[in-house]
C-alpha atoms as a PDB file:
ATOM      1  CA  MET A   1     187.964 221.298  -7.038  1.00  0.00           C
ATOM      2  CA  ASN A   2     185.048 223.032  -5.309  1.00  0.00           C
ATOM      3  CA  PHE A   3     182.485 221.431  -3.035  1.00  0.00           C
ATOM      4  CA  SER A   4     180.329 222.197  -0.022  1.00  0.00           C
ATOM      5  CA  ILE A   5     179.585 220.268   3.131  1.00  0.00           C
ATOM      6  CA  LEU A   6     177.346 220.819   6.133  1.00  0.00           C
ATOM      7  CA  SER A   7     178.984 221.545   9.461  1.00  0.00           C
ATOM      8  CA  ASP A   8     178.361 218.070  10.866  1.00  0.00           C
ATOM      9  CA  PRO A   9     181.684 216.682  12.208  1.00  0.00           C
ATOM     10  CA  SER A  10     180.961 213.415  10.387  1.00  0.00           C
ATOM     11  CA  ASN A  11     181.545 215.362   7.150  1.00  0.00           C
ATOM     12  CA  LEU A  12     185.215 215.893   8.009  1.00  0.00           C
ATOM     13  CA  LYS A  13     185.841 212.501   6.394  1.00  0.00           C
ATOM     14  CA  ILE A  14     184.467 213.840   3.108  1.00  0.00           C
ATOM     15  CA  VAL A  15     186.983 216.699   3.176  1.00  0.00           C
ATOM     16  CA  ARG A  16     189.875 214.350   4.007  1.00  0.00           C
ATOM     17  CA  ASP A  17     188.885 211.869   1.279  1.00  0.00           C
ATOM     18  CA  HIS A  18     188.490 214.579  -1.380  1.00  0.00           C
ATOM     19  CA  LEU A  19     191.840 216.080  -0.392  1.00  0.00           C
ATOM     20  CA  LYS A  20     193.635 212.712  -0.574  1.00  0.00           C
ATOM     21  CA  SER A  21     192.195 212.140  -4.048  1.00  0.00           C
ATOM     22  CA  PHE A  22     193.036 215.664  -5.192  1.00  0.00           C
ATOM     23  CA  ILE A  23     196.665 215.438  -4.075  1.00  0.00           C
ATOM     24  CA  LYS A  24     197.036 212.040  -5.737  1.00  0.00           C
ATOM     25  CA  GLU A  25     195.282 213.124  -8.949  1.00  0.00           C
ATOM     26  CA  LYS A  26     197.420 216.241  -9.287  1.00  0.00           C
ATOM     27  CA  GLY A  27     200.607 214.296  -8.519  1.00  0.00           C
ATOM     28  CA  PHE A  28     201.504 216.960  -6.006  1.00  0.00           C
ATOM     29  CA  GLN A  29     204.903 215.857  -4.717  1.00  0.00           C
ATOM     30  CA  LYS A  30     205.899 219.059  -2.916  1.00  0.00           C
ATOM     31  CA  VAL A  31     203.704 218.529   0.137  1.00  0.00           C
ATOM     32  CA  ASP A  32     203.527 216.059   2.984  1.00  0.00           C
ATOM     33  CA  ARG A  33     200.043 214.688   2.299  1.00  0.00           C
ATOM     34  CA  ASP A  34     199.332 213.722   5.918  1.00  0.00           C
ATOM     35  CA  SER A  35     200.363 217.163   7.211  1.00  0.00           C
ATOM     36  CA  VAL A  36     198.196 218.926   4.625  1.00  0.00           C
ATOM     37  CA  ILE A  37     195.248 216.742   5.602  1.00  0.00           C
ATOM     38  CA  LEU A  38     195.853 217.402   9.318  1.00  0.00           C
ATOM     39  CA  ALA A  39     195.995 221.184   8.875  1.00  0.00           C
ATOM     40  CA  THR A  40     192.878 221.208   6.678  1.00  0.00           C
ATOM     41  CA  ASP A  41     190.970 218.938   9.047  1.00  0.00           C
ATOM     42  CA  GLU A  42     191.871 221.167  12.009  1.00  0.00           C
ATOM     43  CA  ALA A  43     190.752 224.266  10.093  1.00  0.00           C
ATOM     44  CA  VAL A  44     187.356 222.775   9.228  1.00  0.00           C
ATOM     45  CA  GLN A  45     186.945 221.560  12.824  1.00  0.00           C
ATOM     46  CA  ASN A  46     187.560 225.130  14.003  1.00  0.00           C
ATOM     47  CA  VAL A  47     184.856 226.415  11.658  1.00  0.00           C
ATOM     48  CA  ILE A  48     182.416 223.864  13.040  1.00  0.00           C
ATOM     49  CA  ARG A  49     183.311 224.676  16.632  1.00  0.00           C
ATOM     50  CA  TYR A  50     183.804 228.452  16.608  1.00  0.00           C
ATOM     51  CA  ALA A  51     181.952 229.888  13.604  1.00  0.00           C
ATOM     52  CA  TYR A  52     178.951 227.569  13.926  1.00  0.00           C
ATOM     53  CA  ASN A  53     178.979 226.638  17.637  1.00  0.00           C
ATOM     54  CA  LEU A  54     178.703 222.921  16.745  1.00  0.00           C
ATOM     55  CA  GLU A  55     175.482 223.395  14.758  1.00  0.00           C
ATOM     56  CA  LYS A  56     175.380 220.578  12.210  1.00  0.00           C
ATOM     57  CA  ASP A  57     173.381 222.152   9.372  1.00  0.00           C
ATOM     58  CA  LYS A  58     175.498 225.139   8.298  1.00  0.00           C
ATOM     59  CA  LYS A  59     177.257 225.459   4.953  1.00  0.00           C
ATOM     60  CA  ILE A  60     181.035 225.255   4.515  1.00  0.00           C
ATOM     61  CA  ASP A  61     182.540 225.791   1.050  1.00  0.00           C
ATOM     62  CA  VAL A  62     185.890 224.147   0.301  1.00  0.00           C
ATOM     63  CA  THR A  63     188.212 224.762  -2.653  1.00  0.00           C
ATOM     64  CA  PHE A  64     191.428 222.954  -3.576  1.00  0.00           C
ATOM     65  CA  GLU A  65     193.656 224.279  -6.349  1.00  0.00           C
ATOM     66  CA  VAL A  66     197.224 224.156  -7.541  1.00  0.00           C
ATOM     67  CA  LYS A  67     198.948 227.444  -8.338  1.00  0.00           C
ATOM     68  CA  ASP A  68     202.441 226.270  -9.175  1.00  0.00           C
ATOM     69  CA  PRO A  69     204.344 225.626  -7.107  1.00  0.00           C
ATOM     70  CA  ASN A  70     201.730 225.813  -4.336  1.00  0.00           C
ATOM     71  CA  LEU A  71     198.706 223.873  -3.171  1.00  0.00           C
ATOM     72  CA  ILE A  72     196.004 226.350  -2.116  1.00  0.00           C
ATOM     73  CA  ILE A  73     193.066 225.360   0.084  1.00  0.00           C
ATOM     74  CA  GLN A  74     190.239 227.758   0.871  1.00  0.00           C
ATOM     75  CA  ILE A  75     187.626 227.156   3.551  1.00  0.00           C
ATOM     76  CA  ARG A  76     184.661 229.532   3.557  1.00  0.00           C
ATOM     77  CA  ASP A  77     182.066 229.734   6.296  1.00  0.00           C
ATOM     78  CA  TYR A  78     179.038 231.966   6.760  1.00  0.00           C
ATOM     79  CA  GLY A  79     179.050 231.956  10.548  1.00  0.00           C
ATOM     80  CA  LYS A  80     180.242 234.043  13.446  1.00  0.00           C
ATOM     81  CA  GLN A  81     183.285 236.163  12.681  1.00  0.00           C
ATOM     82  CA  VAL A  82     185.959 235.724  15.315  1.00  0.00           C
ATOM     83  CA  PRO A  83     188.273 238.774  15.527  1.00  0.00           C
ATOM     84  CA  ILE A  84     191.335 237.778  13.518  1.00  0.00           C
ATOM     85  CA  GLU A  85     193.721 238.895  16.266  1.00  0.00           C
ATOM     86  CA  GLN A  86     192.058 236.367  18.579  1.00  0.00           C
ATOM     87  CA  ILE A  87     192.822 233.439  16.252  1.00  0.00           C
ATOM     88  CA  LYS A  88     195.993 232.164  17.827  1.00  0.00           C
ATOM     89  CA  PRO A  89     197.289 228.953  19.373  1.00  0.00           C
ATOM     90  CA  ARG A  90     197.329 228.444  23.098  1.00  0.00           C
ATOM     91  CA  GLU A  91     200.655 228.297  24.898  1.00  0.00           C
ATOM     92  CA  LEU A  92     202.293 224.915  24.367  1.00  0.00           C
ATOM     93  CA  ASP A  93     203.356 224.673  28.015  1.00  0.00           C
ATOM     94  CA  ASP A  94     199.656 224.828  28.969  1.00  0.00           C
ATOM     95  CA  VAL A  95     199.237 221.053  28.838  1.00  0.00           C
ATOM     96  CA  LYS A  96     195.612 219.994  28.352  1.00  0.00           C
ATOM     97  CA  PRO A  97     193.547 218.240  25.704  1.00  0.00           C
ATOM     98  CA  GLY A  98     192.628 220.177  22.581  1.00  0.00           C
ATOM     99  CA  GLY A  99     193.358 223.709  21.518  1.00  0.00           C
ATOM    100  CA  LEU A 100     196.327 222.957  19.254  1.00  0.00           C
ATOM    101  CA  GLY A 101     194.592 223.248  15.881  1.00  0.00           C
ATOM    102  CA  VAL A 102     195.841 226.762  15.133  1.00  0.00           C
ATOM    103  CA  HIS A 103     199.342 225.723  16.215  1.00  0.00           C
ATOM    104  CA  PHE A 104     199.309 222.800  13.759  1.00  0.00           C
ATOM    105  CA  ILE A 105     197.849 224.935  10.966  1.00  0.00           C
ATOM    106  CA  ARG A 106     200.433 227.731  11.344  1.00  0.00           C
ATOM    107  CA  ASN A 107     203.362 225.305  11.591  1.00  0.00           C
ATOM    108  CA  ILE A 108     202.328 223.131   8.642  1.00  0.00           C
ATOM    109  CA  CYS A 109     201.279 225.848   6.191  1.00  0.00           C
ATOM    110  CA  GLU A 110     203.613 228.161   4.357  1.00  0.00           C
ATOM    111  CA  LYS A 111     200.999 230.919   4.590  1.00  0.00           C
ATOM    112  CA  VAL A 112     197.712 231.298   6.506  1.00  0.00           C
ATOM    113  CA  ASP A 113     195.293 234.116   5.649  1.00  0.00           C
ATOM    114  CA  TYR A 114     191.965 234.844   7.363  1.00  0.00           C
ATOM    115  CA  GLN A 115     189.613 237.240   5.599  1.00  0.00           C
ATOM    116  CA  HIS A 116     186.284 238.427   7.001  1.00  0.00           C
ATOM    117  CA  MET A 117     183.688 238.497   4.249  1.00  0.00           C
ATOM    118  CA  ASP A 118     181.258 241.394   3.885  1.00  0.00           C
ATOM    119  CA  GLU A 119     178.829 239.688   1.532  1.00  0.00           C
ATOM    120  CA  GLY A 120     177.179 236.744   3.255  1.00  0.00           C
ATOM    121  CA  GLY A 121     179.222 237.212   6.429  1.00  0.00           C
ATOM    122  CA  GLY A 122     181.609 234.649   7.780  1.00  0.00           C
ATOM    123  CA  THR A 123     185.269 234.115   7.064  1.00  0.00           C
ATOM    124  CA  LYS A 124     187.419 232.777   4.233  1.00  0.00           C
ATOM    125  CA  LEU A 125     190.569 230.962   5.314  1.00  0.00           C
ATOM    126  CA  THR A 126     193.270 230.450   2.720  1.00  0.00           C
ATOM    127  CA  LEU A 127     195.951 227.866   3.452  1.00  0.00           C
ATOM    128  CA  THR A 128     199.042 227.786   1.250  1.00  0.00           C
ATOM    129  CA  PHE A 129     201.289 224.733   1.188  1.00  0.00           C
END
């Protein structure tokens, strides 16, 4: 399944709804649906916040696919490229609101791969569950 959304936070619901339907349609039993949705939601939120600086009219491409035995989710933006070595969770003992998205993503996913794109700029994030 491939689709695109604009970077408006209200569109996060579209991603969650499509993902719920995709998991159900594919009968994917090997994943915790709520955890997959949480990690994906956090990843798209990070694109909106960091690649697009909360601008609401930028394109985000999303792909869901099953490559047995894995569920693969790709999130592609065309925004600011954050140095990959800087994409890390904050310290958990630093108690404050927010900032745990990368922590959730890395702990939920089996594999997380960030790739800076030359053509069109931006970053492609591949999440493997």
